[in-house]
């Protein structure tokens, strides 16, 4: 299957087919939340006190949606 990169919003009228894979980081190598931009979603392999979690940039920090706290390895 081909890979396509989009530079703007994507609208899917019939849904997406296949898996959605988030970029994976550790707390130590996560990008700057401000450089990534508000709304950026990443997977952090150790961001929930050493356990994996999803995090969303609020433009300043990567926030864990399950707790509202920032990512932390411990």
PDB file of N, CA and C in Angstrom:
ATOM      1  N   UNK A   1       0.842  -1.164   0.000  1.00  0.00           N
ATOM      2  CA  UNK A   1       0.000   0.000   0.000  1.00  0.00           C
ATOM      3  C   UNK A   1       0.892   1.233   0.000  1.00  0.00           C
ATOM      4  N   UNK A   2       0.509   2.207  -0.760  1.00  0.00           N
ATOM      5  CA  UNK A   2       1.281   3.446  -0.862  1.00  0.00           C
ATOM      6  C   UNK A   2       1.107   4.297   0.386  1.00  0.00           C
ATOM      7  N   UNK A   3       2.084   5.112   0.665  1.00  0.00           N
ATOM      8  CA  UNK A   3       2.031   6.045   1.775  1.00  0.00           C
ATOM      9  C   UNK A   3       1.875   7.449   1.205  1.00  0.00           C
ATOM     10  N   UNK A   4       0.969   8.233   1.772  1.00  0.00           N
ATOM     11  CA  UNK A   4       0.722   9.581   1.288  1.00  0.00           C
ATOM     12  C   UNK A   4       0.865  10.570   2.434  1.00  0.00           C
ATOM     13  N   UNK A   5       1.505  11.686   2.183  1.00  0.00           N
ATOM     14  CA  UNK A   5       1.658  12.735   3.178  1.00  0.00           C
ATOM     15  C   UNK A   5       0.772  13.911   2.778  1.00  0.00           C
ATOM     16  N   UNK A   6       0.004  14.418   3.743  1.00  0.00           N
ATOM     17  CA  UNK A   6      -0.882  15.544   3.498  1.00  0.00           C
ATOM     18  C   UNK A   6      -0.364  16.761   4.248  1.00  0.00           C
ATOM     19  N   UNK A   7      -0.565  17.940   3.687  1.00  0.00           N
ATOM     20  CA  UNK A   7      -0.116  19.156   4.352  1.00  0.00           C
ATOM     21  C   UNK A   7      -1.265  19.928   4.982  1.00  0.00           C
ATOM     22  N   UNK A   8      -2.480  19.475   4.795  1.00  0.00           N
ATOM     23  CA  UNK A   8      -3.622  20.194   5.345  1.00  0.00           C
ATOM     24  C   UNK A   8      -4.595  19.240   5.998  1.00  0.00           C
ATOM     25  N   UNK A   9      -5.751  19.720   6.368  1.00  0.00           N
ATOM     26  CA  UNK A   9      -6.760  18.853   6.988  1.00  0.00           C
ATOM     27  C   UNK A   9      -7.200  17.752   6.031  1.00  0.00           C
ATOM     28  N   UNK A  10      -7.547  16.609   6.584  1.00  0.00           N
ATOM     29  CA  UNK A  10      -8.014  15.480   5.793  1.00  0.00           C
ATOM     30  C   UNK A  10      -9.443  15.178   6.206  1.00  0.00           C
ATOM     31  N   UNK A  11     -10.324  15.051   5.227  1.00  0.00           N
ATOM     32  CA  UNK A  11     -11.709  14.678   5.492  1.00  0.00           C
ATOM     33  C   UNK A  11     -11.940  13.305   4.895  1.00  0.00           C
ATOM     34  N   UNK A  12     -12.432  12.385   5.709  1.00  0.00           N
ATOM     35  CA  UNK A  12     -12.727  11.040   5.239  1.00  0.00           C
ATOM     36  C   UNK A  12     -14.241  10.868   5.252  1.00  0.00           C
ATOM     37  N   UNK A  13     -14.819  10.651   4.090  1.00  0.00           N
ATOM     38  CA  UNK A  13     -16.266  10.500   4.017  1.00  0.00           C
ATOM     39  C   UNK A  13     -16.704   9.060   4.234  1.00  0.00           C
ATOM     40  N   UNK A  14     -15.799   8.117   4.075  1.00  0.00           N
ATOM     41  CA  UNK A  14     -16.150   6.710   4.255  1.00  0.00           C
ATOM     42  C   UNK A  14     -15.275   6.047   5.319  1.00  0.00           C
ATOM     43  N   UNK A  15     -14.608   6.831   6.147  1.00  0.00           N
ATOM     44  CA  UNK A  15     -13.756   6.271   7.189  1.00  0.00           C
ATOM     45  C   UNK A  15     -12.384   5.892   6.665  1.00  0.00           C
ATOM     46  N   UNK A  16     -11.490   5.649   7.592  1.00  0.00           N
ATOM     47  CA  UNK A  16     -10.142   5.237   7.235  1.00  0.00           C
ATOM     48  C   UNK A  16     -10.077   3.721   7.230  1.00  0.00           C
ATOM     49  N   UNK A  17      -9.254   3.167   6.376  1.00  0.00           N
ATOM     50  CA  UNK A  17      -9.052   1.734   6.310  1.00  0.00           C
ATOM     51  C   UNK A  17      -7.642   1.450   6.806  1.00  0.00           C
ATOM     52  N   UNK A  18      -7.516   0.549   7.759  1.00  0.00           N
ATOM     53  CA  UNK A  18      -6.205   0.186   8.271  1.00  0.00           C
ATOM     54  C   UNK A  18      -5.941   0.782   9.638  1.00  0.00           C
ATOM     55  N   UNK A  19      -4.761   0.551  10.124  1.00  0.00           N
ATOM     56  CA  UNK A  19      -4.362   1.002  11.447  1.00  0.00           C
ATOM     57  C   UNK A  19      -3.851   2.435  11.394  1.00  0.00           C
ATOM     58  N   UNK A  20      -4.061   3.136  12.483  1.00  0.00           N
ATOM     59  CA  UNK A  20      -3.460   4.462  12.661  1.00  0.00           C
ATOM     60  C   UNK A  20      -2.325   4.287  13.649  1.00  0.00           C
ATOM     61  N   UNK A  21      -1.123   4.625  13.241  1.00  0.00           N
ATOM     62  CA  UNK A  21       0.046   4.456  14.103  1.00  0.00           C
ATOM     63  C   UNK A  21       0.570   5.827  14.512  1.00  0.00           C
ATOM     64  N   UNK A  22       0.693   6.008  15.812  1.00  0.00           N
ATOM     65  CA  UNK A  22       1.216   7.262  16.346  1.00  0.00           C
ATOM     66  C   UNK A  22       2.734   7.203  16.429  1.00  0.00           C
ATOM     67  N   UNK A  23       3.410   8.334  16.287  1.00  0.00           N
ATOM     68  CA  UNK A  23       4.852   8.349  16.503  1.00  0.00           C
ATOM     69  C   UNK A  23       5.144   7.934  17.950  1.00  0.00           C
ATOM     70  N   UNK A  24       6.139   7.067  18.133  1.00  0.00           N
ATOM     71  CA  UNK A  24       6.481   6.547  19.455  1.00  0.00           C
ATOM     72  C   UNK A  24       7.735   7.233  19.987  1.00  0.00           C
ATOM     73  N   UNK A  25       7.647   7.656  21.248  1.00  0.00           N
ATOM     74  CA  UNK A  25       8.765   8.326  21.914  1.00  0.00           C
ATOM     75  C   UNK A  25       8.861   7.830  23.348  1.00  0.00           C
ATOM     76  N   UNK A  26       9.983   8.124  23.994  1.00  0.00           N
ATOM     77  CA  UNK A  26      10.088   8.013  25.442  1.00  0.00           C
ATOM     78  C   UNK A  26       9.941   9.431  25.982  1.00  0.00           C
ATOM     79  N   UNK A  27       9.780   9.568  27.291  1.00  0.00           N
ATOM     80  CA  UNK A  27       9.709  10.906  27.877  1.00  0.00           C
ATOM     81  C   UNK A  27      10.982  11.682  27.526  1.00  0.00           C
ATOM     82  N   UNK A  28      12.124  11.010  27.594  1.00  0.00           N
ATOM     83  CA  UNK A  28      13.409  11.683  27.351  1.00  0.00           C
ATOM     84  C   UNK A  28      13.571  12.153  25.910  1.00  0.00           C
ATOM     85  N   UNK A  29      12.988  11.438  24.936  1.00  0.00           N
ATOM     86  CA  UNK A  29      13.193  11.857  23.545  1.00  0.00           C
ATOM     87  C   UNK A  29      11.935  12.410  22.887  1.00  0.00           C
ATOM     88  N   UNK A  30      10.902  12.712  23.674  1.00  0.00           N
ATOM     89  CA  UNK A  30       9.695  13.324  23.121  1.00  0.00           C
ATOM     90  C   UNK A  30      10.037  14.693  22.548  1.00  0.00           C
ATOM     91  N   UNK A  31       9.414  15.057  21.448  1.00  0.00           N
ATOM     92  CA  UNK A  31       9.691  16.386  20.890  1.00  0.00           C
ATOM     93  C   UNK A  31       9.172  17.480  21.808  1.00  0.00           C
ATOM     94  N   UNK A  32       9.610  18.673  21.589  1.00  0.00           N
ATOM     95  CA  UNK A  32       9.096  19.818  22.325  1.00  0.00           C
ATOM     96  C   UNK A  32       7.616  19.969  21.982  1.00  0.00           C
ATOM     97  N   UNK A  33       6.774  20.079  23.014  1.00  0.00           N
ATOM     98  CA  UNK A  33       5.335  20.232  22.788  1.00  0.00           C
ATOM     99  C   UNK A  33       5.032  21.522  22.039  1.00  0.00           C
ATOM    100  N   UNK A  34       5.798  22.561  22.297  1.00  0.00           N
ATOM    101  CA  UNK A  34       5.556  23.829  21.595  1.00  0.00           C
ATOM    102  C   UNK A  34       5.974  23.726  20.130  1.00  0.00           C
ATOM    103  N   UNK A  35       7.093  23.047  19.854  1.00  0.00           N
ATOM    104  CA  UNK A  35       7.529  22.872  18.467  1.00  0.00           C
ATOM    105  C   UNK A  35       6.590  21.930  17.715  1.00  0.00           C
ATOM    106  N   UNK A  36       6.074  20.904  18.404  1.00  0.00           N
ATOM    107  CA  UNK A  36       5.153  19.966  17.770  1.00  0.00           C
ATOM    108  C   UNK A  36       3.832  20.647  17.440  1.00  0.00           C
ATOM    109  N   UNK A  37       3.429  21.591  18.288  1.00  0.00           N
ATOM    110  CA  UNK A  37       2.186  22.316  18.067  1.00  0.00           C
ATOM    111  C   UNK A  37       1.012  21.712  18.808  1.00  0.00           C
ATOM    112  N   UNK A  38       0.111  22.561  19.249  1.00  0.00           N
ATOM    113  CA  UNK A  38      -1.073  22.117  19.968  1.00  0.00           C
ATOM    114  C   UNK A  38      -1.874  21.152  19.104  1.00  0.00           C
ATOM    115  N   UNK A  39      -2.323  20.069  19.719  1.00  0.00           N
ATOM    116  CA  UNK A  39      -3.117  19.063  19.023  1.00  0.00           C
ATOM    117  C   UNK A  39      -2.328  17.883  18.516  1.00  0.00           C
ATOM    118  N   UNK A  40      -0.994  17.961  18.565  1.00  0.00           N
ATOM    119  CA  UNK A  40      -0.177  16.827  18.139  1.00  0.00           C
ATOM    120  C   UNK A  40      -0.340  15.684  19.123  1.00  0.00           C
ATOM    121  N   UNK A  41      -0.558  14.480  18.606  1.00  0.00           N
ATOM    122  CA  UNK A  41      -0.742  13.289  19.440  1.00  0.00           C
ATOM    123  C   UNK A  41       0.451  12.370  19.245  1.00  0.00           C
ATOM    124  N   UNK A  42       1.002  11.863  20.354  1.00  0.00           N
ATOM    125  CA  UNK A  42       2.111  10.915  20.307  1.00  0.00           C
ATOM    126  C   UNK A  42       1.832   9.759  21.266  1.00  0.00           C
ATOM    127  N   UNK A  43       2.531   8.653  21.060  1.00  0.00           N
ATOM    128  CA  UNK A  43       2.527   7.521  21.986  1.00  0.00           C
ATOM    129  C   UNK A  43       3.824   7.610  22.766  1.00  0.00           C
ATOM    130  N   UNK A  44       3.746   7.549  24.108  1.00  0.00           N
ATOM    131  CA  UNK A  44       4.939   7.646  24.950  1.00  0.00           C
ATOM    132  C   UNK A  44       5.092   6.313  25.686  1.00  0.00           C
ATOM    133  N   UNK A  45       6.152   5.587  25.358  1.00  0.00           N
ATOM    134  CA  UNK A  45       6.315   4.225  25.863  1.00  0.00           C
ATOM    135  C   UNK A  45       6.484   4.143  27.374  1.00  0.00           C
ATOM    136  N   UNK A  46       6.867   5.255  28.006  1.00  0.00           N
ATOM    137  CA  UNK A  46       7.053   5.254  29.463  1.00  0.00           C
ATOM    138  C   UNK A  46       6.471   6.505  30.120  1.00  0.00           C
ATOM    139  N   UNK A  47       5.484   7.124  29.506  1.00  0.00           N
ATOM    140  CA  UNK A  47       4.995   8.430  29.944  1.00  0.00           C
ATOM    141  C   UNK A  47       4.026   8.440  31.104  1.00  0.00           C
ATOM    142  N   UNK A  48       3.541   7.262  31.512  1.00  0.00           N
ATOM    143  CA  UNK A  48       2.604   7.186  32.639  1.00  0.00           C
ATOM    144  C   UNK A  48       3.325   6.553  33.826  1.00  0.00           C
ATOM    145  N   UNK A  49       4.329   7.257  34.317  1.00  0.00           N
ATOM    146  CA  UNK A  49       5.102   6.725  35.448  1.00  0.00           C
ATOM    147  C   UNK A  49       5.845   5.449  35.108  1.00  0.00           C
ATOM    148  N   UNK A  50       6.293   5.328  33.866  1.00  0.00           N
ATOM    149  CA  UNK A  50       7.010   4.150  33.400  1.00  0.00           C
ATOM    150  C   UNK A  50       6.171   3.258  32.507  1.00  0.00           C
ATOM    151  N   UNK A  51       4.873   3.456  32.494  1.00  0.00           N
ATOM    152  CA  UNK A  51       3.970   2.676  31.645  1.00  0.00           C
ATOM    153  C   UNK A  51       3.637   3.467  30.381  1.00  0.00           C
ATOM    154  N   UNK A  52       3.200   2.770  29.326  1.00  0.00           N
ATOM    155  CA  UNK A  52       2.862   3.461  28.080  1.00  0.00           C
ATOM    156  C   UNK A  52       1.585   4.286  28.190  1.00  0.00           C
ATOM    157  N   UNK A  53       1.514   5.356  27.385  1.00  0.00           N
ATOM    158  CA  UNK A  53       0.315   6.192  27.334  1.00  0.00           C
ATOM    159  C   UNK A  53       0.310   6.998  26.046  1.00  0.00           C
ATOM    160  N   UNK A  54      -0.830   7.586  25.770  1.00  0.00           N
ATOM    161  CA  UNK A  54      -0.984   8.535  24.673  1.00  0.00           C
ATOM    162  C   UNK A  54      -0.889   9.925  25.290  1.00  0.00           C
ATOM    163  N   UNK A  55      -0.313  10.867  24.561  1.00  0.00           N
ATOM    164  CA  UNK A  55      -0.209  12.242  25.051  1.00  0.00           C
ATOM    165  C   UNK A  55      -0.554  13.215  23.929  1.00  0.00           C
ATOM    166  N   UNK A  56      -1.126  14.344  24.312  1.00  0.00           N
ATOM    167  CA  UNK A  56      -1.540  15.382  23.369  1.00  0.00           C
ATOM    168  C   UNK A  56      -0.862  16.692  23.751  1.00  0.00           C
ATOM    169  N   UNK A  57      -0.282  17.368  22.765  1.00  0.00           N
ATOM    170  CA  UNK A  57       0.344  18.668  23.031  1.00  0.00           C
ATOM    171  C   UNK A  57      -0.729  19.731  23.221  1.00  0.00           C
ATOM    172  N   UNK A  58      -0.579  20.515  24.281  1.00  0.00           N
ATOM    173  CA  UNK A  58      -1.456  21.677  24.468  1.00  0.00           C
ATOM    174  C   UNK A  58      -0.747  22.957  24.012  1.00  0.00           C
ATOM    175  N   UNK A  59       0.382  22.785  23.342  1.00  0.00           N
ATOM    176  CA  UNK A  59       1.180  23.916  22.876  1.00  0.00           C
ATOM    177  C   UNK A  59       2.306  24.276  23.825  1.00  0.00           C
ATOM    178  N   UNK A  60       2.232  23.745  25.059  1.00  0.00           N
ATOM    179  CA  UNK A  60       3.273  23.981  26.055  1.00  0.00           C
ATOM    180  C   UNK A  60       3.835  22.669  26.582  1.00  0.00           C
ATOM    181  N   UNK A  61       2.947  21.718  26.898  1.00  0.00           N
ATOM    182  CA  UNK A  61       3.327  20.414  27.459  1.00  0.00           C
ATOM    183  C   UNK A  61       2.594  19.303  26.724  1.00  0.00           C
ATOM    184  N   UNK A  62       3.130  18.083  26.845  1.00  0.00           N
ATOM    185  CA  UNK A  62       2.382  16.917  26.404  1.00  0.00           C
ATOM    186  C   UNK A  62       1.557  16.446  27.589  1.00  0.00           C
ATOM    187  N   UNK A  63       0.246  16.389  27.403  1.00  0.00           N
ATOM    188  CA  UNK A  63      -0.715  16.080  28.455  1.00  0.00           C
ATOM    189  C   UNK A  63      -1.288  14.684  28.230  1.00  0.00           C
ATOM    190  N   UNK A  64      -1.444  13.951  29.329  1.00  0.00           N
ATOM    191  CA  UNK A  64      -2.101  12.639  29.277  1.00  0.00           C
ATOM    192  C   UNK A  64      -3.613  12.856  29.372  1.00  0.00           C
ATOM    193  N   UNK A  65      -4.370  12.476  28.345  1.00  0.00           N
ATOM    194  CA  UNK A  65      -5.817  12.687  28.397  1.00  0.00           C
ATOM    195  C   UNK A  65      -6.512  11.935  29.530  1.00  0.00           C
ATOM    196  N   UNK A  66      -5.930  10.824  29.989  1.00  0.00           N
ATOM    197  CA  UNK A  66      -6.577  10.029  31.039  1.00  0.00           C
ATOM    198  C   UNK A  66      -6.496  10.697  32.404  1.00  0.00           C
ATOM    199  N   UNK A  67      -5.491  11.559  32.634  1.00  0.00           N
ATOM    200  CA  UNK A  67      -5.336  12.181  33.957  1.00  0.00           C
ATOM    201  C   UNK A  67      -5.309  13.706  33.901  1.00  0.00           C
ATOM    202  N   UNK A  68      -5.000  14.249  32.730  1.00  0.00           N
ATOM    203  CA  UNK A  68      -4.839  15.701  32.626  1.00  0.00           C
ATOM    204  C   UNK A  68      -3.470  16.169  33.056  1.00  0.00           C
ATOM    205  N   UNK A  69      -2.617  15.233  33.509  1.00  0.00           N
ATOM    206  CA  UNK A  69      -1.263  15.577  33.936  1.00  0.00           C
ATOM    207  C   UNK A  69      -0.289  15.474  32.787  1.00  0.00           C
ATOM    208  N   UNK A  70       0.926  15.944  33.015  1.00  0.00           N
ATOM    209  CA  UNK A  70       1.959  15.875  31.988  1.00  0.00           C
ATOM    210  C   UNK A  70       2.600  14.492  32.003  1.00  0.00           C
ATOM    211  N   UNK A  71       3.292  14.167  30.905  1.00  0.00           N
ATOM    212  CA  UNK A  71       3.984  12.881  30.824  1.00  0.00           C
ATOM    213  C   UNK A  71       5.178  12.897  31.778  1.00  0.00           C
ATOM    214  N   UNK A  72       5.441  11.745  32.382  1.00  0.00           N
ATOM    215  CA  UNK A  72       6.575  11.589  33.300  1.00  0.00           C
ATOM    216  C   UNK A  72       6.963  10.128  33.345  1.00  0.00           C
ATOM    217  N   UNK A  73       8.268   9.857  33.368  1.00  0.00           N
ATOM    218  CA  UNK A  73       8.749   8.479  33.368  1.00  0.00           C
ATOM    219  C   UNK A  73       8.709   7.842  34.746  1.00  0.00           C
ATOM    220  N   UNK A  74       8.524   8.646  35.776  1.00  0.00           N
ATOM    221  CA  UNK A  74       8.430   8.060  37.132  1.00  0.00           C
ATOM    222  C   UNK A  74       7.476   8.867  37.976  1.00  0.00           C
TER     223      UNK A  74
END
